[in-house]
PDB file of N, CA and C in Angstrom:
ATOM      1  N   UNK A   1      83.180 129.568 187.351  1.00  0.00           N
ATOM      2  CA  UNK A   1      81.829 130.000 187.074  1.00  0.00           C
ATOM      3  C   UNK A   1      81.755 130.695 185.712  1.00  0.00           C
ATOM      4  N   UNK A   2      82.869 131.205 185.258  1.00  0.00           N
ATOM      5  CA  UNK A   2      82.912 131.884 183.968  1.00  0.00           C
ATOM      6  C   UNK A   2      82.640 130.903 182.830  1.00  0.00           C
ATOM      7  N   UNK A   3      83.108 129.658 182.989  1.00  0.00           N
ATOM      8  CA  UNK A   3      82.880 128.621 181.978  1.00  0.00           C
ATOM      9  C   UNK A   3      81.388 128.327 181.830  1.00  0.00           C
ATOM     10  N   UNK A   4      80.681 128.247 182.939  1.00  0.00           N
ATOM     11  CA  UNK A   4      79.238 127.971 182.921  1.00  0.00           C
ATOM     12  C   UNK A   4      78.486 129.125 182.272  1.00  0.00           C
ATOM     13  N   UNK A   5      78.841 130.357 182.625  1.00  0.00           N
ATOM     14  CA  UNK A   5      78.179 131.525 182.033  1.00  0.00           C
ATOM     15  C   UNK A   5      78.398 131.570 180.522  1.00  0.00           C
ATOM     16  N   UNK A   6      79.618 131.319 180.104  1.00  0.00           N
ATOM     17  CA  UNK A   6      79.957 131.446 178.685  1.00  0.00           C
ATOM     18  C   UNK A   6      79.313 130.355 177.837  1.00  0.00           C
ATOM     19  N   UNK A   7      79.210 129.145 178.354  1.00  0.00           N
ATOM     20  CA  UNK A   7      78.736 128.014 177.558  1.00  0.00           C
ATOM     21  C   UNK A   7      77.250 127.711 177.703  1.00  0.00           C
ATOM     22  N   UNK A   8      76.630 128.159 178.791  1.00  0.00           N
ATOM     23  CA  UNK A   8      75.236 127.790 179.013  1.00  0.00           C
ATOM     24  C   UNK A   8      74.315 128.987 179.181  1.00  0.00           C
ATOM     25  N   UNK A   9      74.670 129.911 180.014  1.00  0.00           N
ATOM     26  CA  UNK A   9      73.774 131.007 180.353  1.00  0.00           C
ATOM     27  C   UNK A   9      73.651 132.000 179.205  1.00  0.00           C
ATOM     28  N   UNK A  10      74.758 132.393 178.623  1.00  0.00           N
ATOM     29  CA  UNK A  10      74.739 133.391 177.549  1.00  0.00           C
ATOM     30  C   UNK A  10      73.961 132.888 176.333  1.00  0.00           C
ATOM     31  N   UNK A  11      74.203 131.652 175.841  1.00  0.00           N
ATOM     32  CA  UNK A  11      73.403 131.190 174.695  1.00  0.00           C
ATOM     33  C   UNK A  11      71.908 131.090 175.012  1.00  0.00           C
ATOM     34  N   UNK A  12      71.558 130.667 176.225  1.00  0.00           N
ATOM     35  CA  UNK A  12      70.148 130.551 176.581  1.00  0.00           C
ATOM     36  C   UNK A  12      69.478 131.912 176.659  1.00  0.00           C
ATOM     37  N   UNK A  13      70.149 132.882 177.228  1.00  0.00           N
ATOM     38  CA  UNK A  13      69.542 134.212 177.311  1.00  0.00           C
ATOM     39  C   UNK A  13      69.441 134.855 175.928  1.00  0.00           C
ATOM     40  N   UNK A  14      70.434 134.631 175.086  1.00  0.00           N
ATOM     41  CA  UNK A  14      70.377 135.154 173.721  1.00  0.00           C
ATOM     42  C   UNK A  14      69.223 134.510 172.952  1.00  0.00           C
ATOM     43  N   UNK A  15      69.067 133.210 173.090  1.00  0.00           N
ATOM     44  CA  UNK A  15      67.977 132.511 172.428  1.00  0.00           C
ATOM     45  C   UNK A  15      66.627 133.017 172.927  1.00  0.00           C
ATOM     46  N   UNK A  16      66.492 133.202 174.227  1.00  0.00           N
ATOM     47  CA  UNK A  16      65.230 133.696 174.783  1.00  0.00           C
ATOM     48  C   UNK A  16      64.920 135.107 174.279  1.00  0.00           C
ATOM     49  N   UNK A  17      65.926 135.955 174.223  1.00  0.00           N
ATOM     50  CA  UNK A  17      65.730 137.322 173.746  1.00  0.00           C
ATOM     51  C   UNK A  17      65.317 137.329 172.276  1.00  0.00           C
ATOM     52  N   UNK A  18      65.998 136.546 171.439  1.00  0.00           N
ATOM     53  CA  UNK A  18      65.666 136.476 170.020  1.00  0.00           C
ATOM     54  C   UNK A  18      64.281 135.877 169.799  1.00  0.00           C
ATOM     55  N   UNK A  19      63.921 134.873 170.586  1.00  0.00           N
ATOM     56  CA  UNK A  19      62.604 134.259 170.460  1.00  0.00           C
ATOM     57  C   UNK A  19      61.511 135.251 170.825  1.00  0.00           C
ATOM     58  N   UNK A  20      61.711 136.026 171.872  1.00  0.00           N
ATOM     59  CA  UNK A  20      60.726 137.023 172.280  1.00  0.00           C
ATOM     60  C   UNK A  20      60.551 138.090 171.204  1.00  0.00           C
ATOM     61  N   UNK A  21      61.649 138.526 170.596  1.00  0.00           N
ATOM     62  CA  UNK A  21      61.562 139.513 169.524  1.00  0.00           C
ATOM     63  C   UNK A  21      60.805 138.958 168.328  1.00  0.00           C
ATOM     64  N   UNK A  22      61.032 137.689 167.989  1.00  0.00           N
ATOM     65  CA  UNK A  22      60.336 137.068 166.870  1.00  0.00           C
ATOM     66  C   UNK A  22      58.835 137.010 167.123  1.00  0.00           C
ATOM     67  N   UNK A  23      58.440 136.593 168.304  1.00  0.00           N
ATOM     68  CA  UNK A  23      57.023 136.480 168.618  1.00  0.00           C
ATOM     69  C   UNK A  23      56.362 137.856 168.616  1.00  0.00           C
ATOM     70  N   UNK A  24      57.055 138.865 169.063  1.00  0.00           N
ATOM     71  CA  UNK A  24      56.489 140.212 169.084  1.00  0.00           C
ATOM     72  C   UNK A  24      56.292 140.764 167.667  1.00  0.00           C
ATOM     73  N   UNK A  25      57.150 140.377 166.726  1.00  0.00           N
ATOM     74  CA  UNK A  25      57.037 140.867 165.350  1.00  0.00           C
ATOM     75  C   UNK A  25      56.007 140.095 164.532  1.00  0.00           C
ATOM     76  N   UNK A  26      55.660 138.890 164.964  1.00  0.00           N
ATOM     77  CA  UNK A  26      54.704 138.074 164.218  1.00  0.00           C
ATOM     78  C   UNK A  26      53.300 138.654 164.339  1.00  0.00           C
ATOM     79  N   UNK A  27      52.573 138.598 163.234  1.00  0.00           N
ATOM     80  CA  UNK A  27      51.179 139.042 163.240  1.00  0.00           C
ATOM     81  C   UNK A  27      50.316 137.940 162.648  1.00  0.00           C
ATOM     82  N   UNK A  28      49.059 137.912 163.055  1.00  0.00           N
ATOM     83  CA  UNK A  28      48.127 136.942 162.507  1.00  0.00           C
ATOM     84  C   UNK A  28      47.752 137.371 161.091  1.00  0.00           C
ATOM     85  N   UNK A  29      47.535 136.416 160.205  1.00  0.00           N
ATOM     86  CA  UNK A  29      47.167 136.775 158.837  1.00  0.00           C
ATOM     87  C   UNK A  29      45.751 137.346 158.785  1.00  0.00           C
ATOM     88  N   UNK A  30      45.531 138.273 157.882  1.00  0.00           N
ATOM     89  CA  UNK A  30      44.173 138.783 157.690  1.00  0.00           C
ATOM     90  C   UNK A  30      43.398 137.778 156.829  1.00  0.00           C
ATOM     91  N   UNK A  31      42.129 138.052 156.610  1.00  0.00           N
ATOM     92  CA  UNK A  31      41.263 137.116 155.912  1.00  0.00           C
ATOM     93  C   UNK A  31      41.754 136.832 154.493  1.00  0.00           C
ATOM     94  N   UNK A  32      42.149 137.865 153.780  1.00  0.00           N
ATOM     95  CA  UNK A  32      42.586 137.696 152.387  1.00  0.00           C
ATOM     96  C   UNK A  32      43.847 136.834 152.300  1.00  0.00           C
ATOM     97  N   UNK A  33      44.789 137.066 153.192  1.00  0.00           N
ATOM     98  CA  UNK A  33      46.016 136.255 153.192  1.00  0.00           C
ATOM     99  C   UNK A  33      45.698 134.803 153.541  1.00  0.00           C
ATOM    100  N   UNK A  34      44.786 134.601 154.488  1.00  0.00           N
ATOM    101  CA  UNK A  34      44.389 133.246 154.878  1.00  0.00           C
ATOM    102  C   UNK A  34      43.740 132.509 153.705  1.00  0.00           C
ATOM    103  N   UNK A  35      42.865 133.197 152.971  1.00  0.00           N
ATOM    104  CA  UNK A  35      42.206 132.588 151.813  1.00  0.00           C
ATOM    105  C   UNK A  35      43.226 132.273 150.725  1.00  0.00           C
ATOM    106  N   UNK A  36      44.187 133.163 150.493  1.00  0.00           N
ATOM    107  CA  UNK A  36      45.215 132.911 149.483  1.00  0.00           C
ATOM    108  C   UNK A  36      46.058 131.687 149.828  1.00  0.00           C
ATOM    109  N   UNK A  37      46.469 131.583 151.073  1.00  0.00           N
ATOM    110  CA  UNK A  37      47.284 130.437 151.488  1.00  0.00           C
ATOM    111  C   UNK A  37      46.468 129.150 151.398  1.00  0.00           C
ATOM    112  N   UNK A  38      45.213 129.210 151.825  1.00  0.00           N
ATOM    113  CA  UNK A  38      44.358 128.024 151.743  1.00  0.00           C
ATOM    114  C   UNK A  38      44.120 127.590 150.307  1.00  0.00           C
ATOM    115  N   UNK A  39      43.855 128.538 149.425  1.00  0.00           N
ATOM    116  CA  UNK A  39      43.641 128.201 148.016  1.00  0.00           C
ATOM    117  C   UNK A  39      44.880 127.616 147.374  1.00  0.00           C
ATOM    118  N   UNK A  40      46.015 128.182 147.688  1.00  0.00           N
ATOM    119  CA  UNK A  40      47.272 127.661 147.143  1.00  0.00           C
ATOM    120  C   UNK A  40      47.538 126.249 147.640  1.00  0.00           C
ATOM    121  N   UNK A  41      47.243 125.995 148.901  1.00  0.00           N
ATOM    122  CA  UNK A  41      47.440 124.657 149.465  1.00  0.00           C
ATOM    123  C   UNK A  41      46.517 123.644 148.799  1.00  0.00           C
ATOM    124  N   UNK A  42      45.255 124.003 148.629  1.00  0.00           N
ATOM    125  CA  UNK A  42      44.306 123.109 147.971  1.00  0.00           C
ATOM    126  C   UNK A  42      44.747 122.843 146.533  1.00  0.00           C
ATOM    127  N   UNK A  43      45.173 123.874 145.825  1.00  0.00           N
ATOM    128  CA  UNK A  43      45.652 123.699 144.454  1.00  0.00           C
ATOM    129  C   UNK A  43      46.851 122.746 144.412  1.00  0.00           C
ATOM    130  N   UNK A  44      47.770 122.885 145.362  1.00  0.00           N
ATOM    131  CA  UNK A  44      48.934 121.997 145.411  1.00  0.00           C
ATOM    132  C   UNK A  44      48.543 120.553 145.661  1.00  0.00           C
ATOM    133  N   UNK A  45      47.607 120.335 146.591  1.00  0.00           N
ATOM    134  CA  UNK A  45      47.143 118.973 146.862  1.00  0.00           C
ATOM    135  C   UNK A  45      46.480 118.369 145.624  1.00  0.00           C
ATOM    136  N   UNK A  46      45.625 119.138 144.963  1.00  0.00           N
ATOM    137  CA  UNK A  46      44.954 118.629 143.767  1.00  0.00           C
ATOM    138  C   UNK A  46      45.951 118.336 142.653  1.00  0.00           C
ATOM    139  N   UNK A  47      46.903 119.230 142.457  1.00  0.00           N
ATOM    140  CA  UNK A  47      47.900 119.028 141.410  1.00  0.00           C
ATOM    141  C   UNK A  47      48.728 117.766 141.670  1.00  0.00           C
ATOM    142  N   UNK A  48      49.178 117.594 142.895  1.00  0.00           N
ATOM    143  CA  UNK A  48      49.971 116.401 143.213  1.00  0.00           C
ATOM    144  C   UNK A  48      49.129 115.135 143.097  1.00  0.00           C
ATOM    145  N   UNK A  49      47.853 115.217 143.456  1.00  0.00           N
ATOM    146  CA  UNK A  49      46.978 114.060 143.319  1.00  0.00           C
ATOM    147  C   UNK A  49      46.775 113.666 141.871  1.00  0.00           C
ATOM    148  N   UNK A  50      46.538 114.662 140.997  1.00  0.00           N
ATOM    149  CA  UNK A  50      46.366 114.359 139.578  1.00  0.00           C
ATOM    150  C   UNK A  50      47.652 113.829 138.955  1.00  0.00           C
ATOM    151  N   UNK A  51      48.770 114.371 139.329  1.00  0.00           N
ATOM    152  CA  UNK A  51      50.044 113.862 138.800  1.00  0.00           C
ATOM    153  C   UNK A  51      50.240 112.410 139.219  1.00  0.00           C
ATOM    154  N   UNK A  52      50.002 112.106 140.489  1.00  0.00           N
ATOM    155  CA  UNK A  52      50.127 110.722 140.956  1.00  0.00           C
ATOM    156  C   UNK A  52      49.146 109.792 140.267  1.00  0.00           C
ATOM    157  N   UNK A  53      47.915 110.263 140.066  1.00  0.00           N
ATOM    158  CA  UNK A  53      46.900 109.453 139.393  1.00  0.00           C
ATOM    159  C   UNK A  53      47.324 109.121 137.966  1.00  0.00           C
ATOM    160  N   UNK A  54      47.788 110.118 137.222  1.00  0.00           N
ATOM    161  CA  UNK A  54      48.164 109.877 135.835  1.00  0.00           C
ATOM    162  C   UNK A  54      49.422 109.017 135.723  1.00  0.00           C
ATOM    163  N   UNK A  55      50.356 109.180 136.642  1.00  0.00           N
ATOM    164  CA  UNK A  55      51.541 108.314 136.622  1.00  0.00           C
ATOM    165  C   UNK A  55      51.122 106.872 136.886  1.00  0.00           C
ATOM    166  N   UNK A  56      50.235 106.672 137.859  1.00  0.00           N
ATOM    167  CA  UNK A  56      49.753 105.327 138.149  1.00  0.00           C
ATOM    168  C   UNK A  56      48.976 104.778 136.951  1.00  0.00           C
ATOM    169  N   UNK A  57      48.184 105.630 136.310  1.00  0.00           N
ATOM    170  CA  UNK A  57      47.390 105.221 135.149  1.00  0.00           C
ATOM    171  C   UNK A  57      48.287 104.783 133.997  1.00  0.00           C
ATOM    172  N   UNK A  58      49.412 105.421 133.828  1.00  0.00           N
ATOM    173  CA  UNK A  58      50.344 105.071 132.757  1.00  0.00           C
ATOM    174  C   UNK A  58      51.118 103.800 133.093  1.00  0.00           C
ATOM    175  N   UNK A  59      51.538 103.640 134.340  1.00  0.00           N
ATOM    176  CA  UNK A  59      52.429 102.540 134.679  1.00  0.00           C
ATOM    177  C   UNK A  59      51.717 101.233 134.984  1.00  0.00           C
ATOM    178  N   UNK A  60      50.413 101.232 135.230  1.00  0.00           N
ATOM    179  CA  UNK A  60      49.707  99.961 135.448  1.00  0.00           C
ATOM    180  C   UNK A  60      49.749  99.088 134.194  1.00  0.00           C
ATOM    181  N   UNK A  61      49.397  99.603 132.998  1.00  0.00           N
ATOM    182  CA  UNK A  61      49.504  98.745 131.804  1.00  0.00           C
ATOM    183  C   UNK A  61      50.941  98.313 131.495  1.00  0.00           C
ATOM    184  N   UNK A  62      51.894  99.223 131.709  1.00  0.00           N
ATOM    185  CA  UNK A  62      53.301  98.872 131.463  1.00  0.00           C
ATOM    186  C   UNK A  62      53.725  97.750 132.399  1.00  0.00           C
ATOM    187  N   UNK A  63      53.321  97.830 133.648  1.00  0.00           N
ATOM    188  CA  UNK A  63      53.674  96.791 134.610  1.00  0.00           C
ATOM    189  C   UNK A  63      53.017  95.464 134.249  1.00  0.00           C
ATOM    190  N   UNK A  64      51.776  95.499 133.772  1.00  0.00           N
ATOM    191  CA  UNK A  64      51.109  94.275 133.377  1.00  0.00           C
ATOM    192  C   UNK A  64      51.780  93.616 132.185  1.00  0.00           C
ATOM    193  N   UNK A  65      52.280  94.413 131.237  1.00  0.00           N
ATOM    194  CA  UNK A  65      52.990  93.866 130.087  1.00  0.00           C
ATOM    195  C   UNK A  65      54.309  93.241 130.519  1.00  0.00           C
ATOM    196  N   UNK A  66      55.018  93.917 131.395  1.00  0.00           N
ATOM    197  CA  UNK A  66      56.315  93.407 131.851  1.00  0.00           C
ATOM    198  C   UNK A  66      56.158  92.151 132.682  1.00  0.00           C
ATOM    199  N   UNK A  67      55.172  92.120 133.583  1.00  0.00           N
ATOM    200  CA  UNK A  67      54.992  90.965 134.468  1.00  0.00           C
ATOM    201  C   UNK A  67      54.238  89.819 133.777  1.00  0.00           C
ATOM    202  N   UNK A  68      53.591  90.099 132.668  1.00  0.00           N
ATOM    203  CA  UNK A  68      52.915  89.055 131.914  1.00  0.00           C
ATOM    204  C   UNK A  68      51.606  88.590 132.507  1.00  0.00           C
ATOM    205  N   UNK A  69      50.902  89.472 133.216  1.00  0.00           N
ATOM    206  CA  UNK A  69      49.621  89.067 133.809  1.00  0.00           C
ATOM    207  C   UNK A  69      48.550  89.009 132.769  1.00  0.00           C
TER     208      UNK A  69
END
């Protein structure tokens, strides 16, 4: 029975204890933090979209020259 306790029960109880402590320490973001995270996310999406757009804009003519269309 010692093998079962050492390999299964102890890790599960440790994980449960650590998970409970983590959830207790977590707090919901206030309005200002939520707005900051949302703005940063929107900025990241826009930046990646513009980068992809300009890369596509540059490589379409290059591809047409190479393929001979």
